[in-house]
Amino acid sequence: MTKEDYIALIEVADAIELLDRGFENWLGVGHVGGNLDGLDRLYGVLLRNANSCYSNDGEGGEQLFYDLLADMAKTPEERAEILLNGTIRYCGSNLQ
């Protein structure tokens, strides 16, 4: 996957998050459990294409992946750079 494709998918993930917030405000629940569950497959694609340090859940990598992906204070480009290169990692209970 190219970096540009990864950035585009992060932008889609951001849009899903904003939609989910809208559903929660309007209906009191997000898209989970409804007909839109397939949207969550995007996160698996992003995780599989991220640096391998984020797929090692025993080291907290997968949670860090989701935390970084959800950090909309960073641009999609910044998050793609971090997630593709593994530049932020858990080291025990600390971030590197």
Protein backbone atom coordinates (compact mmCIF):
# COMPACT_ATOMS: atom_id res chain seq x y z
CA MET A 1 0.00 0.00 0.00
CA THR A 2 1.32 3.44 -0.83
CA LYS A 3 1.62 6.19 1.73
CA GLU A 4 -0.97 8.20 -0.23
CA ASP A 5 -3.44 5.30 -0.04
CA TYR A 6 -2.80 4.97 3.70
CA ILE A 7 -3.42 8.70 4.19
CA ALA A 8 -6.68 8.42 2.24
CA LEU A 9 -7.82 5.52 4.43
CA ILE A 10 -7.01 7.50 7.58
CA GLU A 11 -9.18 10.31 6.20
CA VAL A 12 -11.99 7.75 5.72
CA ALA A 13 -11.47 6.53 9.32
CA ASP A 14 -11.79 10.15 10.50
CA ALA A 15 -15.04 10.51 8.56
CA ILE A 16 -16.37 7.29 10.12
CA GLU A 17 -15.51 8.65 13.57
CA LEU A 18 -17.38 11.88 12.85
CA LEU A 19 -20.37 9.91 11.53
CA ASP A 20 -20.30 7.78 14.66
CA ARG A 21 -20.37 10.87 16.86
CA GLY A 22 -23.36 12.12 14.85
CA PHE A 23 -25.17 8.80 15.32
CA GLU A 24 -24.47 8.94 19.05
CA ASN A 25 -25.84 12.48 19.32
CA TRP A 26 -28.88 11.72 17.21
CA LEU A 27 -29.75 8.15 18.19
CA GLY A 28 -27.86 7.66 21.43
CA VAL A 29 -25.75 4.84 19.92
CA GLY A 30 -22.97 4.64 17.35
CA HIS A 31 -22.91 2.40 14.31
CA VAL A 32 -21.80 -0.69 16.28
CA GLY A 33 -24.30 -3.50 16.10
CA GLY A 34 -26.12 -2.06 13.12
CA ASN A 35 -26.03 -2.47 9.39
CA LEU A 36 -22.86 -0.41 9.18
CA ASP A 37 -20.60 -2.83 11.10
CA GLY A 38 -18.72 -3.50 7.86
CA LEU A 39 -17.17 -0.05 8.16
CA ASP A 40 -15.00 -1.40 10.97
CA ARG A 41 -13.15 -3.63 8.48
CA LEU A 42 -11.22 -0.50 7.53
CA TYR A 43 -9.37 -0.59 10.85
CA GLY A 44 -8.14 -4.12 10.17
CA VAL A 45 -6.80 -3.03 6.78
CA LEU A 46 -5.00 -0.09 8.38
CA LEU A 47 -3.55 -2.29 11.14
CA ARG A 48 -2.36 -4.97 8.70
CA ASN A 49 -0.54 -2.34 6.66
CA ALA A 50 0.94 -0.46 9.62
CA ASN A 51 4.42 -1.13 10.94
CA SER A 52 4.58 -4.56 12.56
CA CYS A 53 5.36 -3.05 15.98
CA TYR A 54 1.66 -2.13 16.23
CA SER A 55 0.35 -5.65 15.69
CA ASN A 56 2.05 -7.06 18.78
CA ASP A 57 -0.77 -6.68 21.28
CA GLY A 58 1.27 -8.37 24.03
CA GLU A 59 3.47 -5.29 24.03
CA GLY A 60 0.56 -2.84 23.84
CA GLY A 61 1.19 -2.13 20.17
CA GLU A 62 -2.35 -2.67 18.97
CA GLN A 63 -3.82 -0.30 21.56
CA LEU A 64 -1.17 2.26 20.66
CA PHE A 65 -2.16 1.85 16.99
CA TYR A 66 -5.79 2.67 17.80
CA ASP A 67 -4.77 5.57 20.05
CA LEU A 68 -2.56 7.07 17.33
CA LEU A 69 -5.19 6.53 14.64
CA ALA A 70 -7.80 8.33 16.78
CA ASP A 71 -5.51 11.30 17.50
CA MET A 72 -7.16 13.86 15.22
CA ALA A 73 -4.91 16.56 16.66
CA LYS A 74 -2.37 15.12 14.21
CA THR A 75 -3.00 15.40 10.48
CA PRO A 76 -3.70 12.24 8.48
CA GLU A 77 -0.26 12.69 6.93
CA GLU A 78 1.42 12.80 10.35
CA ARG A 79 -0.47 9.73 11.55
CA ALA A 80 0.37 7.83 8.36
CA GLU A 81 4.06 8.64 8.80
CA ILE A 82 4.01 7.41 12.41
CA LEU A 83 1.96 4.27 11.74
CA LEU A 84 3.82 3.21 8.61
CA ASN A 85 7.28 3.79 10.08
CA GLY A 86 6.64 2.73 13.68
CA THR A 87 8.18 5.92 15.01
CA ILE A 88 6.14 5.92 18.24
CA ARG A 89 6.29 2.66 20.20
CA TYR A 90 5.63 1.25 23.63
CA CYS A 91 8.72 0.39 25.60
CA GLY A 92 7.35 -1.39 28.63
CA SER A 93 4.92 1.12 30.07
CA ASN A 94 6.60 4.10 28.38
CA LEU A 95 6.31 5.55 24.90
CA GLN A 96 9.41 5.99 22.77
